[in-house]
Amino acid sequence: MTNPTPTVTLLTRAGCGMCTTALAQLQTICGDFGLPVATVDVDAAAATDSSLRAEYGDRLPVVLLNGREHSYFDVDEPRLRADLSRFAGRDGK
């Protein structure tokens, strides 16, 4: 049985150098699993929902896996690859 497709989202803000680095890492990692990376600018999102900026705004970038915090500041590549492998039903990459 195939597991549901995971979603990977990067919470970011304009001008954040660490966010740019994290996005490049995520694109490589997620590309290996055939997954897109969604991005959400917490400042832009605050126009309609300030909760993201209130929760995560002082510790960006934040990686969300299926809407739950997975890592922040740095991409935890070994852990993310292991978690994505579990969703894909493989032992790891």
PDB file of N, CA and C in Angstrom:
ATOM      1  N   MET A   1       0.839  -1.176   0.000  1.00  0.00           N
ATOM      2  CA  MET A   1       0.000   0.000   0.000  1.00  0.00           C
ATOM      3  C   MET A   1       0.890   1.247   0.000  1.00  0.00           C
ATOM      4  N   THR A   2       0.547   2.218  -0.805  1.00  0.00           N
ATOM      5  CA  THR A   2       1.334   3.435  -0.913  1.00  0.00           C
ATOM      6  C   THR A   2       0.857   4.460   0.103  1.00  0.00           C
ATOM      7  N   ASN A   3       1.815   5.083   0.756  1.00  0.00           N
ATOM      8  CA  ASN A   3       1.496   6.134   1.712  1.00  0.00           C
ATOM      9  C   ASN A   3       1.072   7.389   0.971  1.00  0.00           C
ATOM     10  N   PRO A   4       0.315   8.275   1.619  1.00  0.00           N
ATOM     11  CA  PRO A   4      -0.053   9.532   0.988  1.00  0.00           C
ATOM     12  C   PRO A   4       1.196  10.348   0.654  1.00  0.00           C
ATOM     13  N   THR A   5       1.090  11.168  -0.367  1.00  0.00           N
ATOM     14  CA  THR A   5       2.208  12.010  -0.768  1.00  0.00           C
ATOM     15  C   THR A   5       2.443  13.091   0.276  1.00  0.00           C
ATOM     16  N   PRO A   6       3.674  13.186   0.775  1.00  0.00           N
ATOM     17  CA  PRO A   6       3.970  14.216   1.776  1.00  0.00           C
ATOM     18  C   PRO A   6       4.063  15.596   1.141  1.00  0.00           C
ATOM     19  N   THR A   7       3.849  16.609   1.950  1.00  0.00           N
ATOM     20  CA  THR A   7       4.028  17.983   1.497  1.00  0.00           C
ATOM     21  C   THR A   7       5.177  18.603   2.285  1.00  0.00           C
ATOM     22  N   VAL A   8       6.014  19.336   1.560  1.00  0.00           N
ATOM     23  CA  VAL A   8       7.137  20.039   2.174  1.00  0.00           C
ATOM     24  C   VAL A   8       6.953  21.523   1.890  1.00  0.00           C
ATOM     25  N   THR A   9       6.928  22.305   2.948  1.00  0.00           N
ATOM     26  CA  THR A   9       6.724  23.748   2.837  1.00  0.00           C
ATOM     27  C   THR A   9       7.844  24.457   3.574  1.00  0.00           C
ATOM     28  N   LEU A  10       8.358  25.499   2.944  1.00  0.00           N
ATOM     29  CA  LEU A  10       9.377  26.331   3.576  1.00  0.00           C
ATOM     30  C   LEU A  10       8.750  27.667   3.939  1.00  0.00           C
ATOM     31  N   LEU A  11       8.785  27.993   5.221  1.00  0.00           N
ATOM     32  CA  LEU A  11       8.354  29.312   5.676  1.00  0.00           C
ATOM     33  C   LEU A  11       9.553  30.238   5.562  1.00  0.00           C
ATOM     34  N   THR A  12       9.341  31.382   4.940  1.00  0.00           N
ATOM     35  CA  THR A  12      10.443  32.252   4.580  1.00  0.00           C
ATOM     36  C   THR A  12      10.026  33.714   4.682  1.00  0.00           C
ATOM     37  N   ARG A  13      10.958  34.595   4.354  1.00  0.00           N
ATOM     38  CA  ARG A  13      10.632  36.008   4.188  1.00  0.00           C
ATOM     39  C   ARG A  13      11.605  36.594   3.180  1.00  0.00           C
ATOM     40  N   ALA A  14      11.178  37.641   2.531  1.00  0.00           N
ATOM     41  CA  ALA A  14      12.006  38.305   1.524  1.00  0.00           C
ATOM     42  C   ALA A  14      13.296  38.797   2.160  1.00  0.00           C
ATOM     43  N   GLY A  15      14.401  38.636   1.439  1.00  0.00           N
ATOM     44  CA  GLY A  15      15.686  39.125   1.914  1.00  0.00           C
ATOM     45  C   GLY A  15      16.388  38.231   2.913  1.00  0.00           C
ATOM     46  N   CYS A  16      15.863  37.058   3.161  1.00  0.00           N
ATOM     47  CA  CYS A  16      16.447  36.132   4.135  1.00  0.00           C
ATOM     48  C   CYS A  16      17.439  35.217   3.418  1.00  0.00           C
ATOM     49  N   GLY A  17      18.720  35.433   3.662  1.00  0.00           N
ATOM     50  CA  GLY A  17      19.747  34.623   3.027  1.00  0.00           C
ATOM     51  C   GLY A  17      19.701  33.162   3.434  1.00  0.00           C
ATOM     52  N   MET A  18      19.424  32.908   4.706  1.00  0.00           N
ATOM     53  CA  MET A  18      19.313  31.524   5.175  1.00  0.00           C
ATOM     54  C   MET A  18      18.140  30.826   4.504  1.00  0.00           C
ATOM     55  N   CYS A  19      17.083  31.596   4.225  1.00  0.00           N
ATOM     56  CA  CYS A  19      15.905  31.036   3.561  1.00  0.00           C
ATOM     57  C   CYS A  19      16.247  30.616   2.136  1.00  0.00           C
ATOM     58  N   THR A  20      17.049  31.425   1.445  1.00  0.00           N
ATOM     59  CA  THR A  20      17.467  31.112   0.083  1.00  0.00           C
ATOM     60  C   THR A  20      18.286  29.824   0.062  1.00  0.00           C
ATOM     61  N   THR A  21      19.188  29.687   1.021  1.00  0.00           N
ATOM     62  CA  THR A  21      20.013  28.483   1.131  1.00  0.00           C
ATOM     63  C   THR A  21      19.143  27.265   1.422  1.00  0.00           C
ATOM     64  N   ALA A  22      18.211  27.413   2.352  1.00  0.00           N
ATOM     65  CA  ALA A  22      17.323  26.304   2.715  1.00  0.00           C
ATOM     66  C   ALA A  22      16.475  25.872   1.524  1.00  0.00           C
ATOM     67  N   LEU A  23      15.988  26.828   0.745  1.00  0.00           N
ATOM     68  CA  LEU A  23      15.166  26.493  -0.416  1.00  0.00           C
ATOM     69  C   LEU A  23      15.977  25.677  -1.423  1.00  0.00           C
ATOM     70  N   ALA A  24      17.206  26.071  -1.672  1.00  0.00           N
ATOM     71  CA  ALA A  24      18.048  25.321  -2.608  1.00  0.00           C
ATOM     72  C   ALA A  24      18.266  23.891  -2.106  1.00  0.00           C
ATOM     73  N   GLN A  25      18.517  23.736  -0.818  1.00  0.00           N
ATOM     74  CA  GLN A  25      18.697  22.398  -0.235  1.00  0.00           C
ATOM     75  C   GLN A  25      17.426  21.569  -0.388  1.00  0.00           C
ATOM     76  N   LEU A  26      16.297  22.181  -0.071  1.00  0.00           N
ATOM     77  CA  LEU A  26      15.023  21.460  -0.151  1.00  0.00           C
ATOM     78  C   LEU A  26      14.694  21.058  -1.576  1.00  0.00           C
ATOM     79  N   GLN A  27      14.988  21.923  -2.530  1.00  0.00           N
ATOM     80  CA  GLN A  27      14.703  21.588  -3.923  1.00  0.00           C
ATOM     81  C   GLN A  27      15.507  20.365  -4.360  1.00  0.00           C
ATOM     82  N   THR A  28      16.738  20.269  -3.894  1.00  0.00           N
ATOM     83  CA  THR A  28      17.564  19.103  -4.223  1.00  0.00           C
ATOM     84  C   THR A  28      17.023  17.847  -3.549  1.00  0.00           C
ATOM     85  N   ILE A  29      16.778  17.946  -2.252  1.00  0.00           N
ATOM     86  CA  ILE A  29      16.291  16.784  -1.492  1.00  0.00           C
ATOM     87  C   ILE A  29      14.936  16.326  -2.028  1.00  0.00           C
ATOM     88  N   CYS A  30      14.008  17.251  -2.130  1.00  0.00           N
ATOM     89  CA  CYS A  30      12.662  16.888  -2.575  1.00  0.00           C
ATOM     90  C   CYS A  30      12.659  16.436  -4.028  1.00  0.00           C
ATOM     91  N   GLY A  31      13.553  17.002  -4.832  1.00  0.00           N
ATOM     92  CA  GLY A  31      13.680  16.568  -6.218  1.00  0.00           C
ATOM     93  C   GLY A  31      14.042  15.101  -6.317  1.00  0.00           C
ATOM     94  N   ASP A  32      14.854  14.620  -5.387  1.00  0.00           N
ATOM     95  CA  ASP A  32      15.217  13.204  -5.353  1.00  0.00           C
ATOM     96  C   ASP A  32      14.012  12.311  -5.102  1.00  0.00           C
ATOM     97  N   PHE A  33      12.965  12.862  -4.511  1.00  0.00           N
ATOM     98  CA  PHE A  33      11.750  12.109  -4.214  1.00  0.00           C
ATOM     99  C   PHE A  33      10.594  12.488  -5.146  1.00  0.00           C
ATOM    100  N   GLY A  34      10.893  13.350  -6.120  1.00  0.00           N
ATOM    101  CA  GLY A  34       9.856  13.770  -7.057  1.00  0.00           C
ATOM    102  C   GLY A  34       8.794  14.656  -6.439  1.00  0.00           C
ATOM    103  N   LEU A  35       9.184  15.416  -5.422  1.00  0.00           N
ATOM    104  CA  LEU A  35       8.233  16.267  -4.704  1.00  0.00           C
ATOM    105  C   LEU A  35       8.528  17.742  -4.946  1.00  0.00           C
ATOM    106  N   PRO A  36       7.495  18.544  -5.048  1.00  0.00           N
ATOM    107  CA  PRO A  36       7.706  19.997  -5.117  1.00  0.00           C
ATOM    108  C   PRO A  36       7.929  20.559  -3.716  1.00  0.00           C
ATOM    109  N   VAL A  37       8.480  21.743  -3.670  1.00  0.00           N
ATOM    110  CA  VAL A  37       8.638  22.467  -2.409  1.00  0.00           C
ATOM    111  C   VAL A  37       7.760  23.708  -2.489  1.00  0.00           C
ATOM    112  N   ALA A  38       6.840  23.837  -1.569  1.00  0.00           N
ATOM    113  CA  ALA A  38       6.018  25.041  -1.488  1.00  0.00           C
ATOM    114  C   ALA A  38       6.730  26.048  -0.596  1.00  0.00           C
ATOM    115  N   THR A  39       6.535  27.318  -0.879  1.00  0.00           N
ATOM    116  CA  THR A  39       7.093  28.358  -0.020  1.00  0.00           C
ATOM    117  C   THR A  39       5.969  29.276   0.429  1.00  0.00           C
ATOM    118  N   VAL A  40       6.095  29.757   1.648  1.00  0.00           N
ATOM    119  CA  VAL A  40       5.148  30.714   2.195  1.00  0.00           C
ATOM    120  C   VAL A  40       5.943  31.834   2.840  1.00  0.00           C
ATOM    121  N   ASP A  41       5.755  33.043   2.347  1.00  0.00           N
ATOM    122  CA  ASP A  41       6.372  34.223   2.948  1.00  0.00           C
ATOM    123  C   ASP A  41       5.505  34.624   4.132  1.00  0.00           C
ATOM    124  N   VAL A  42       6.049  34.517   5.341  1.00  0.00           N
ATOM    125  CA  VAL A  42       5.242  34.772   6.533  1.00  0.00           C
ATOM    126  C   VAL A  42       4.784  36.223   6.621  1.00  0.00           C
ATOM    127  N   ASP A  43       5.563  37.139   6.060  1.00  0.00           N
ATOM    128  CA  ASP A  43       5.159  38.545   6.093  1.00  0.00           C
ATOM    129  C   ASP A  43       4.003  38.803   5.134  1.00  0.00           C
ATOM    130  N   ALA A  44       4.066  38.204   3.946  1.00  0.00           N
ATOM    131  CA  ALA A  44       2.973  38.356   2.984  1.00  0.00           C
ATOM    132  C   ALA A  44       1.708  37.665   3.504  1.00  0.00           C
ATOM    133  N   ALA A  45       1.873  36.507   4.115  1.00  0.00           N
ATOM    134  CA  ALA A  45       0.725  35.768   4.652  1.00  0.00           C
ATOM    135  C   ALA A  45       0.059  36.509   5.803  1.00  0.00           C
ATOM    136  N   ALA A  46       0.826  37.364   6.492  1.00  0.00           N
ATOM    137  CA  ALA A  46       0.289  38.094   7.642  1.00  0.00           C
ATOM    138  C   ALA A  46      -0.822  39.059   7.251  1.00  0.00           C
ATOM    139  N   ALA A  47      -0.903  39.403   5.975  1.00  0.00           N
ATOM    140  CA  ALA A  47      -1.975  40.294   5.520  1.00  0.00           C
ATOM    141  C   ALA A  47      -3.348  39.677   5.755  1.00  0.00           C
ATOM    142  N   THR A  48      -3.430  38.343   5.692  1.00  0.00           N
ATOM    143  CA  THR A  48      -4.710  37.676   5.911  1.00  0.00           C
ATOM    144  C   THR A  48      -4.721  36.769   7.135  1.00  0.00           C
ATOM    145  N   ASP A  49      -3.524  36.367   7.599  1.00  0.00           N
ATOM    146  CA  ASP A  49      -3.436  35.470   8.748  1.00  0.00           C
ATOM    147  C   ASP A  49      -2.085  35.697   9.424  1.00  0.00           C
ATOM    148  N   SER A  50      -2.098  36.368  10.533  1.00  0.00           N
ATOM    149  CA  SER A  50      -0.853  36.717  11.215  1.00  0.00           C
ATOM    150  C   SER A  50      -0.278  35.581  12.065  1.00  0.00           C
ATOM    151  N   SER A  51      -0.945  34.462  12.127  1.00  0.00           N
ATOM    152  CA  SER A  51      -0.509  33.386  13.019  1.00  0.00           C
ATOM    153  C   SER A  51       0.848  32.802  12.623  1.00  0.00           C
ATOM    154  N   LEU A  52       1.124  32.658  11.331  1.00  0.00           N
ATOM    155  CA  LEU A  52       2.422  32.117  10.920  1.00  0.00           C
ATOM    156  C   LEU A  52       3.565  33.022  11.350  1.00  0.00           C
ATOM    157  N   ARG A  53       3.419  34.305  11.107  1.00  0.00           N
ATOM    158  CA  ARG A  53       4.476  35.239  11.487  1.00  0.00           C
ATOM    159  C   ARG A  53       4.620  35.278  13.004  1.00  0.00           C
ATOM    160  N   ALA A  54       3.516  35.237  13.713  1.00  0.00           N
ATOM    161  CA  ALA A  54       3.579  35.257  15.179  1.00  0.00           C
ATOM    162  C   ALA A  54       4.288  34.012  15.713  1.00  0.00           C
ATOM    163  N   GLU A  55       4.016  32.871  15.113  1.00  0.00           N
ATOM    164  CA  GLU A  55       4.595  31.609  15.580  1.00  0.00           C
ATOM    165  C   GLU A  55       6.040  31.407  15.142  1.00  0.00           C
ATOM    166  N   TYR A  56       6.347  31.742  13.882  1.00  0.00           N
ATOM    167  CA  TYR A  56       7.641  31.368  13.312  1.00  0.00           C
ATOM    168  C   TYR A  56       8.521  32.540  12.883  1.00  0.00           C
ATOM    169  N   GLY A  57       8.019  33.742  12.909  1.00  0.00           N
ATOM    170  CA  GLY A  57       8.698  34.879  12.314  1.00  0.00           C
ATOM    171  C   GLY A  57      10.075  35.204  12.828  1.00  0.00           C
ATOM    172  N   ASP A  58      10.393  34.813  14.057  1.00  0.00           N
ATOM    173  CA  ASP A  58      11.712  35.141  14.598  1.00  0.00           C
ATOM    174  C   ASP A  58      12.713  33.999  14.457  1.00  0.00           C
ATOM    175  N   ARG A  59      12.336  32.912  13.789  1.00  0.00           N
ATOM    176  CA  ARG A  59      13.268  31.787  13.635  1.00  0.00           C
ATOM    177  C   ARG A  59      13.199  31.157  12.253  1.00  0.00           C
ATOM    178  N   LEU A  60      13.128  31.984  11.245  1.00  0.00           N
ATOM    179  CA  LEU A  60      13.088  31.516   9.872  1.00  0.00           C
ATOM    180  C   LEU A  60      14.483  31.182   9.373  1.00  0.00           C
ATOM    181  N   PRO A  61      14.595  30.295   8.434  1.00  0.00           N
ATOM    182  CA  PRO A  61      13.558  29.521   7.752  1.00  0.00           C
ATOM    183  C   PRO A  61      13.068  28.344   8.603  1.00  0.00           C
ATOM    184  N   VAL A  62      11.835  27.943   8.315  1.00  0.00           N
ATOM    185  CA  VAL A  62      11.232  26.799   8.990  1.00  0.00           C
ATOM    186  C   VAL A  62      10.755  25.826   7.920  1.00  0.00           C
ATOM    187  N   VAL A  63      11.101  24.560   8.089  1.00  0.00           N
ATOM    188  CA  VAL A  63      10.639  23.511   7.182  1.00  0.00           C
ATOM    189  C   VAL A  63       9.451  22.821   7.835  1.00  0.00           C
ATOM    190  N   LEU A  64       8.358  22.755   7.090  1.00  0.00           N
ATOM    191  CA  LEU A  64       7.178  22.027   7.548  1.00  0.00           C
ATOM    192  C   LEU A  64       7.035  20.764   6.714  1.00  0.00           C
ATOM    193  N   LEU A  65       6.802  19.656   7.363  1.00  0.00           N
ATOM    194  CA  LEU A  65       6.497  18.404   6.678  1.00  0.00           C
ATOM    195  C   LEU A  65       5.064  18.057   7.034  1.00  0.00           C
ATOM    196  N   ASN A  66       4.228  18.036   6.026  1.00  0.00           N
ATOM    197  CA  ASN A  66       2.789  17.798   6.230  1.00  0.00           C
ATOM    198  C   ASN A  66       2.192  18.775   7.240  1.00  0.00           C
ATOM    199  N   GLY A  67       2.657  20.026   7.155  1.00  0.00           N
ATOM    200  CA  GLY A  67       2.093  21.074   7.993  1.00  0.00           C
ATOM    201  C   GLY A  67       2.641  21.142   9.404  1.00  0.00           C
ATOM    202  N   ARG A  68       3.552  20.241   9.741  1.00  0.00           N
ATOM    203  CA  ARG A  68       4.132  20.228  11.087  1.00  0.00           C
ATOM    204  C   ARG A  68       5.603  20.616  11.013  1.00  0.00           C
ATOM    205  N   GLU A  69       6.051  21.347  12.014  1.00  0.00           N
ATOM    206  CA  GLU A  69       7.442  21.788  12.039  1.00  0.00           C
ATOM    207  C   GLU A  69       8.380  20.593  12.019  1.00  0.00           C
ATOM    208  N   HIS A  70       9.312  20.645  11.080  1.00  0.00           N
ATOM    209  CA  HIS A  70      10.299  19.574  10.945  1.00  0.00           C
ATOM    210  C   HIS A  70      11.684  20.052  11.378  1.00  0.00           C
ATOM    211  N   SER A  71      12.048  21.273  10.976  1.00  0.00           N
ATOM    212  CA  SER A  71      13.322  21.856  11.379  1.00  0.00           C
ATOM    213  C   SER A  71      13.261  23.360  11.180  1.00  0.00           C
ATOM    214  N   TYR A  72      14.185  24.060  11.792  1.00  0.00           N
ATOM    215  CA  TYR A  72      14.270  25.500  11.576  1.00  0.00           C
ATOM    216  C   TYR A  72      15.724  25.936  11.584  1.00  0.00           C
ATOM    217  N   PHE A  73      15.971  27.094  11.006  1.00  0.00           N
ATOM    218  CA  PHE A  73      17.300  27.657  10.756  1.00  0.00           C
ATOM    219  C   PHE A  73      18.061  26.833   9.717  1.00  0.00           C
ATOM    220  N   ASP A  74      18.263  25.550   9.969  1.00  0.00           N
ATOM    221  CA  ASP A  74      18.957  24.671   9.030  1.00  0.00           C
ATOM    222  C   ASP A  74      18.034  23.533   8.632  1.00  0.00           C
ATOM    223  N   VAL A  75      18.214  23.044   7.406  1.00  0.00           N
ATOM    224  CA  VAL A  75      17.478  21.867   6.962  1.00  0.00           C
ATOM    225  C   VAL A  75      18.168  20.648   7.575  1.00  0.00           C
ATOM    226  N   ASP A  76      17.420  19.841   8.283  1.00  0.00           N
ATOM    227  CA  ASP A  76      17.950  18.604   8.852  1.00  0.00           C
ATOM    228  C   ASP A  76      17.860  17.535   7.758  1.00  0.00           C
ATOM    229  N   GLU A  77      18.865  17.552   6.867  1.00  0.00           N
ATOM    230  CA  GLU A  77      18.805  16.700   5.679  1.00  0.00           C
ATOM    231  C   GLU A  77      18.698  15.217   5.994  1.00  0.00           C
ATOM    232  N   PRO A  78      19.519  14.648   6.880  1.00  0.00           N
ATOM    233  CA  PRO A  78      19.385  13.203   7.143  1.00  0.00           C
ATOM    234  C   PRO A  78      17.991  12.830   7.665  1.00  0.00           C
ATOM    235  N   ARG A  79      17.478  13.627   8.560  1.00  0.00           N
ATOM    236  CA  ARG A  79      16.151  13.339   9.124  1.00  0.00           C
ATOM    237  C   ARG A  79      15.061  13.497   8.071  1.00  0.00           C
ATOM    238  N   LEU A  80      15.152  14.555   7.244  1.00  0.00           N
ATOM    239  CA  LEU A  80      14.145  14.769   6.211  1.00  0.00           C
ATOM    240  C   LEU A  80      14.174  13.639   5.190  1.00  0.00           C
ATOM    241  N   ARG A  81      15.368  13.249   4.768  1.00  0.00           N
ATOM    242  CA  ARG A  81      15.467  12.134   3.811  1.00  0.00           C
ATOM    243  C   ARG A  81      14.885  10.847   4.406  1.00  0.00           C
ATOM    244  N   ALA A  82      15.155  10.591   5.669  1.00  0.00           N
ATOM    245  CA  ALA A  82      14.617   9.395   6.320  1.00  0.00           C
ATOM    246  C   ALA A  82      13.092   9.457   6.384  1.00  0.00           C
ATOM    247  N   ASP A  83      12.559  10.616   6.740  1.00  0.00           N
ATOM    248  CA  ASP A  83      11.109  10.759   6.838  1.00  0.00           C
ATOM    249  C   ASP A  83      10.448  10.640   5.463  1.00  0.00           C
ATOM    250  N   LEU A  84      11.046  11.247   4.451  1.00  0.00           N
ATOM    251  CA  LEU A  84      10.489  11.148   3.101  1.00  0.00           C
ATOM    252  C   LEU A  84      10.594   9.718   2.575  1.00  0.00           C
ATOM    253  N   SER A  85      11.654   9.023   2.934  1.00  0.00           N
ATOM    254  CA  SER A  85      11.804   7.619   2.533  1.00  0.00           C
ATOM    255  C   SER A  85      10.697   6.765   3.126  1.00  0.00           C
ATOM    256  N   ARG A  86      10.341   7.040   4.370  1.00  0.00           N
ATOM    257  CA  ARG A  86       9.247   6.287   4.994  1.00  0.00           C
ATOM    258  C   ARG A  86       7.941   6.515   4.243  1.00  0.00           C
ATOM    259  N   PHE A  87       7.695   7.766   3.841  1.00  0.00           N
ATOM    260  CA  PHE A  87       6.470   8.039   3.078  1.00  0.00           C
ATOM    261  C   PHE A  87       6.503   7.326   1.733  1.00  0.00           C
ATOM    262  N   ALA A  88       7.678   7.254   1.145  1.00  0.00           N
ATOM    263  CA  ALA A  88       7.809   6.655  -0.177  1.00  0.00           C
ATOM    264  C   ALA A  88       7.857   5.133  -0.105  1.00  0.00           C
ATOM    265  N   GLY A  89       7.970   4.596   1.118  1.00  0.00           N
ATOM    266  CA  GLY A  89       8.017   3.151   1.278  1.00  0.00           C
ATOM    267  C   GLY A  89       9.350   2.556   0.881  1.00  0.00           C
ATOM    268  N   ARG A  90      10.421   3.364   1.014  1.00  0.00           N
ATOM    269  CA  ARG A  90      11.751   2.831   0.721  1.00  0.00           C
ATOM    270  C   ARG A  90      12.632   3.001   1.944  1.00  0.00           C
ATOM    271  N   ASP A  91      13.727   2.299   1.958  1.00  0.00           N
ATOM    272  CA  ASP A  91      14.599   2.278   3.125  1.00  0.00           C
ATOM    273  C   ASP A  91      15.424   3.514   3.310  1.00  0.00           C
ATOM    274  N   GLY A  92      15.589   4.318   2.319  1.00  0.00           N
ATOM    275  CA  GLY A  92      16.411   5.521   2.435  1.00  0.00           C
ATOM    276  C   GLY A  92      17.247   5.699   1.210  1.00  0.00           C
ATOM    277  N   LYS A  93      17.860   6.884   1.142  1.00  0.00           N
ATOM    278  CA  LYS A  93      18.653   7.218  -0.027  1.00  0.00           C
ATOM    279  C   LYS A  93      19.985   7.733   0.378  1.00  0.00           C
TER     280      LYS A  93
END
